Structure formats: structure tokens, C-alpha cells
Amino acid sequence: MARIAGVNLPNDKRIEIGLRYIFGIGPTRAAEIIEKTGISPDVRVKDLTEQEVATLRREVEDFVVEGDLRRRVFSSIQRLKDINAYRGIRHKRRLPVRGQRTKSNARTWKGPRPAKAGKKR
């Protein structure tokens, strides 16, 4: 089992997919890392040698991933809340932040619709 950036990669996945289990690495970045290391994207995680895992670790260290990235995202949102920016207020109220409509959608943020008085369900 390969452990990169504090994450255990699933053994039966291709390395291209397995790298995506690391927070901050998506399809494009995973392909970029694999291209730099010269590892075949079709090889399974369980078939990697220790040397290949070490080169992957070195490449992933160049990016901000996992805990550092989560902290950075949290602090960015917290900054918006602290300065009372419009986006920060939307975060505080748990409403959509990026301009989505809320009249007919946004049930995930707003929660279930309140029951109307006198209406049987």
C-alpha cells in the first residue's frame, strides 16, 4: 500500500486514479505528475516499486495538498467572514456564494422546505 502525503492510496486502482484520492490533486494534476515521473498511467498502485513511490512523493511535495490546502481554504473563507464581505456573509448564512438563484433551488443549503400551516401531507 502506497502512502503519499499522509493518504493511503487504494491498491486496486490505476495510479492515475489513485493519486486523485489526495486532496488537491485532480485529473489534470495527476496526469502532470505521472508524466514528470515517467511512470505508466496504467500501472496499479499495488504494482509500484518503492523507488517509484519515492519519486511520486517528491513530485507531490511540490504542490500544496491535504492539510495545508484545507487550512488555506478555511482561512480564506474565514477572512471573508471577518471583513464582512458579501461572500463572507453568504458563507455565514450557509447560502449559495457564487450567484446561484435561491428562489427555486438551493435546497441543500437552505434545508427542507418549512411545512405550511393547515396543509396535510
C-alpha atoms as a PDB file:
ATOM      1  CA  MET A   1       0.000   0.000   0.000  1.00  0.00           C
ATOM      2  CA  ALA A   2       1.443   3.310  -1.113  1.00  0.00           C
ATOM      3  CA  ARG A   3       1.224   6.193   1.339  1.00  0.00           C
ATOM      4  CA  ILE A   4       1.711   9.622  -0.211  1.00  0.00           C
ATOM      5  CA  ALA A   5       1.080  12.964   1.551  1.00  0.00           C
ATOM      6  CA  GLY A   6      -0.452  11.129   4.504  1.00  0.00           C
ATOM      7  CA  VAL A   7      -3.038   9.325   2.356  1.00  0.00           C
ATOM      8  CA  ASN A   8      -3.187   5.590   1.746  1.00  0.00           C
ATOM      9  CA  LEU A   9      -3.786   5.113  -1.954  1.00  0.00           C
ATOM     10  CA  PRO A  10      -6.193   2.266  -2.862  1.00  0.00           C
ATOM     11  CA  ASN A  11      -4.255  -0.769  -4.122  1.00  0.00           C
ATOM     12  CA  ASP A  12      -6.544  -1.892  -6.935  1.00  0.00           C
ATOM     13  CA  LYS A  13      -6.817   1.470  -8.700  1.00  0.00           C
ATOM     14  CA  ARG A  14      -4.627   2.690 -11.542  1.00  0.00           C
ATOM     15  CA  ILE A  15      -2.048   5.188 -10.300  1.00  0.00           C
ATOM     16  CA  GLU A  16      -3.670   7.924 -12.370  1.00  0.00           C
ATOM     17  CA  ILE A  17      -6.919   7.444 -10.405  1.00  0.00           C
ATOM     18  CA  GLY A  18      -5.250   6.626  -7.076  1.00  0.00           C
ATOM     19  CA  LEU A  19      -3.435   9.974  -6.943  1.00  0.00           C
ATOM     20  CA  ARG A  20      -6.810  11.748  -7.032  1.00  0.00           C
ATOM     21  CA  TYR A  21      -7.537  10.465  -3.525  1.00  0.00           C
ATOM     22  CA  ILE A  22      -5.125  13.141  -2.296  1.00  0.00           C
ATOM     23  CA  PHE A  23      -6.980  16.398  -1.542  1.00  0.00           C
ATOM     24  CA  GLY A  24      -5.740  18.983  -4.037  1.00  0.00           C
ATOM     25  CA  ILE A  25      -4.873  16.582  -6.852  1.00  0.00           C
ATOM     26  CA  GLY A  26      -7.382  16.234  -9.670  1.00  0.00           C
ATOM     27  CA  PRO A  27      -7.255  14.629 -13.106  1.00  0.00           C
ATOM     28  CA  THR A  28      -5.025  17.253 -14.725  1.00  0.00           C
ATOM     29  CA  ARG A  29      -2.505  17.446 -11.896  1.00  0.00           C
ATOM     30  CA  ALA A  30      -2.392  13.644 -11.565  1.00  0.00           C
ATOM     31  CA  ALA A  31      -1.603  13.310 -15.274  1.00  0.00           C
ATOM     32  CA  GLU A  32       1.055  16.023 -14.957  1.00  0.00           C
ATOM     33  CA  ILE A  33       2.726  14.250 -12.012  1.00  0.00           C
ATOM     34  CA  ILE A  34       2.717  10.905 -13.811  1.00  0.00           C
ATOM     35  CA  GLU A  35       4.184  12.475 -16.939  1.00  0.00           C
ATOM     36  CA  LYS A  36       7.009  14.112 -14.937  1.00  0.00           C
ATOM     37  CA  THR A  37       7.888  10.878 -13.134  1.00  0.00           C
ATOM     38  CA  GLY A  38       7.740   8.741 -16.261  1.00  0.00           C
ATOM     39  CA  ILE A  39       5.501   6.112 -14.657  1.00  0.00           C
ATOM     40  CA  SER A  40       2.906   4.442 -16.874  1.00  0.00           C
ATOM     41  CA  PRO A  41      -0.605   5.704 -16.018  1.00  0.00           C
ATOM     42  CA  ASP A  42      -1.956   2.156 -16.447  1.00  0.00           C
ATOM     43  CA  VAL A  43       0.108   0.588 -13.646  1.00  0.00           C
ATOM     44  CA  ARG A  44      -1.819  -0.340 -10.487  1.00  0.00           C
ATOM     45  CA  VAL A  45      -0.872   1.170  -7.126  1.00  0.00           C
ATOM     46  CA  LYS A  46      -0.027  -2.270  -5.705  1.00  0.00           C
ATOM     47  CA  ASP A  47       2.454  -2.872  -8.543  1.00  0.00           C
ATOM     48  CA  LEU A  48       4.544   0.260  -7.848  1.00  0.00           C
ATOM     49  CA  THR A  49       8.097  -0.222  -6.654  1.00  0.00           C
ATOM     50  CA  GLU A  50       9.457   1.630  -3.629  1.00  0.00           C
ATOM     51  CA  GLN A  51      11.576   3.776  -5.929  1.00  0.00           C
ATOM     52  CA  GLU A  52       8.513   4.809  -7.977  1.00  0.00           C
ATOM     53  CA  VAL A  53       6.579   5.639  -4.804  1.00  0.00           C
ATOM     54  CA  ALA A  54       9.509   7.776  -3.619  1.00  0.00           C
ATOM     55  CA  THR A  55       9.597   9.718  -6.902  1.00  0.00           C
ATOM     56  CA  LEU A  56       5.827  10.260  -6.703  1.00  0.00           C
ATOM     57  CA  ARG A  57       6.231  11.561  -3.130  1.00  0.00           C
ATOM     58  CA  ARG A  58       8.877  14.049  -4.270  1.00  0.00           C
ATOM     59  CA  GLU A  59       6.644  15.321  -7.090  1.00  0.00           C
ATOM     60  CA  VAL A  60       3.579  15.668  -4.842  1.00  0.00           C
ATOM     61  CA  GLU A  61       5.617  17.658  -2.290  1.00  0.00           C
ATOM     62  CA  ASP A  62       5.934  20.448  -4.884  1.00  0.00           C
ATOM     63  CA  PHE A  63       2.194  21.145  -4.573  1.00  0.00           C
ATOM     64  CA  VAL A  64       0.077  22.400  -1.680  1.00  0.00           C
ATOM     65  CA  VAL A  65      -2.086  19.397  -0.787  1.00  0.00           C
ATOM     66  CA  GLU A  66      -4.059  17.830   2.071  1.00  0.00           C
ATOM     67  CA  GLY A  67      -3.816  19.629   5.442  1.00  0.00           C
ATOM     68  CA  ASP A  68      -2.008  22.727   4.202  1.00  0.00           C
ATOM     69  CA  LEU A  69      -4.529  23.228   1.413  1.00  0.00           C
ATOM     70  CA  ARG A  70      -7.504  22.620   3.722  1.00  0.00           C
ATOM     71  CA  ARG A  71      -6.089  25.210   6.164  1.00  0.00           C
ATOM     72  CA  ARG A  72      -5.545  27.691   3.345  1.00  0.00           C
ATOM     73  CA  VAL A  73      -9.132  27.295   2.076  1.00  0.00           C
ATOM     74  CA  PHE A  74     -10.548  27.600   5.602  1.00  0.00           C
ATOM     75  CA  SER A  75      -8.521  30.719   6.343  1.00  0.00           C
ATOM     76  CA  SER A  76      -9.597  32.323   3.049  1.00  0.00           C
ATOM     77  CA  ILE A  77     -13.252  31.765   3.895  1.00  0.00           C
ATOM     78  CA  GLN A  78     -12.675  32.955   7.466  1.00  0.00           C
ATOM     79  CA  ARG A  79     -11.063  36.158   6.156  1.00  0.00           C
ATOM     80  CA  LEU A  80     -14.126  36.868   4.023  1.00  0.00           C
ATOM     81  CA  LYS A  81     -16.354  36.340   7.067  1.00  0.00           C
ATOM     82  CA  ASP A  82     -14.204  38.576   9.278  1.00  0.00           C
ATOM     83  CA  ILE A  83     -14.225  41.537   6.901  1.00  0.00           C
ATOM     84  CA  ASN A  84     -17.976  41.100   6.298  1.00  0.00           C
ATOM     85  CA  ALA A  85     -17.571  40.779   2.562  1.00  0.00           C
ATOM     86  CA  TYR A  86     -20.691  39.803   0.628  1.00  0.00           C
ATOM     87  CA  ARG A  87     -19.281  36.325   0.004  1.00  0.00           C
ATOM     88  CA  GLY A  88     -18.418  36.018   3.689  1.00  0.00           C
ATOM     89  CA  ILE A  89     -21.972  36.875   4.699  1.00  0.00           C
ATOM     90  CA  ARG A  90     -23.282  34.235   2.293  1.00  0.00           C
ATOM     91  CA  HIS A  91     -20.937  31.692   3.905  1.00  0.00           C
ATOM     92  CA  LYS A  92     -22.145  32.683   7.390  1.00  0.00           C
ATOM     93  CA  ARG A  93     -25.789  32.257   6.382  1.00  0.00           C
ATOM     94  CA  ARG A  94     -24.999  28.982   4.625  1.00  0.00           C
ATOM     95  CA  LEU A  95     -26.425  30.226   1.335  1.00  0.00           C
ATOM     96  CA  PRO A  96     -25.006  29.867  -2.202  1.00  0.00           C
ATOM     97  CA  VAL A  97     -21.941  32.067  -2.580  1.00  0.00           C
ATOM     98  CA  ARG A  98     -21.394  32.227  -6.321  1.00  0.00           C
ATOM     99  CA  GLY A  99     -24.526  33.935  -7.594  1.00  0.00           C
ATOM    100  CA  GLN A 100     -26.860  30.953  -7.890  1.00  0.00           C
ATOM    101  CA  ARG A 101     -30.586  31.587  -7.618  1.00  0.00           C
ATOM    102  CA  THR A 102     -32.285  30.751  -4.343  1.00  0.00           C
ATOM    103  CA  LYS A 103     -35.976  31.263  -5.115  1.00  0.00           C
ATOM    104  CA  SER A 104     -36.482  27.815  -6.588  1.00  0.00           C
ATOM    105  CA  ASN A 105     -33.260  25.940  -5.834  1.00  0.00           C
ATOM    106  CA  ALA A 106     -30.555  25.808  -3.116  1.00  0.00           C
ATOM    107  CA  ARG A 107     -32.410  23.223  -1.027  1.00  0.00           C
ATOM    108  CA  THR A 108     -29.095  21.730   0.059  1.00  0.00           C
ATOM    109  CA  TRP A 109     -28.060  24.993   1.706  1.00  0.00           C
ATOM    110  CA  LYS A 110     -31.462  26.158   2.890  1.00  0.00           C
ATOM    111  CA  GLY A 111     -32.647  22.799   4.223  1.00  0.00           C
ATOM    112  CA  PRO A 112     -36.055  21.209   3.753  1.00  0.00           C
ATOM    113  CA  ARG A 113     -38.998  23.457   2.982  1.00  0.00           C
ATOM    114  CA  PRO A 114     -40.962  24.529   6.055  1.00  0.00           C
ATOM    115  CA  ALA A 115     -44.393  22.906   6.404  1.00  0.00           C
ATOM    116  CA  LYS A 116     -47.303  25.165   5.528  1.00  0.00           C
ATOM    117  CA  ALA A 117     -49.952  25.663   8.198  1.00  0.00           C
ATOM    118  CA  GLY A 118     -53.148  23.693   7.647  1.00  0.00           C
ATOM    119  CA  LYS A 119     -51.759  21.598   4.815  1.00  0.00           C
ATOM    120  CA  LYS A 120     -51.905  17.808   5.137  1.00  0.00           C
ATOM    121  CA  ARG A 121     -49.089  15.780   3.690  1.00  0.00           C
END
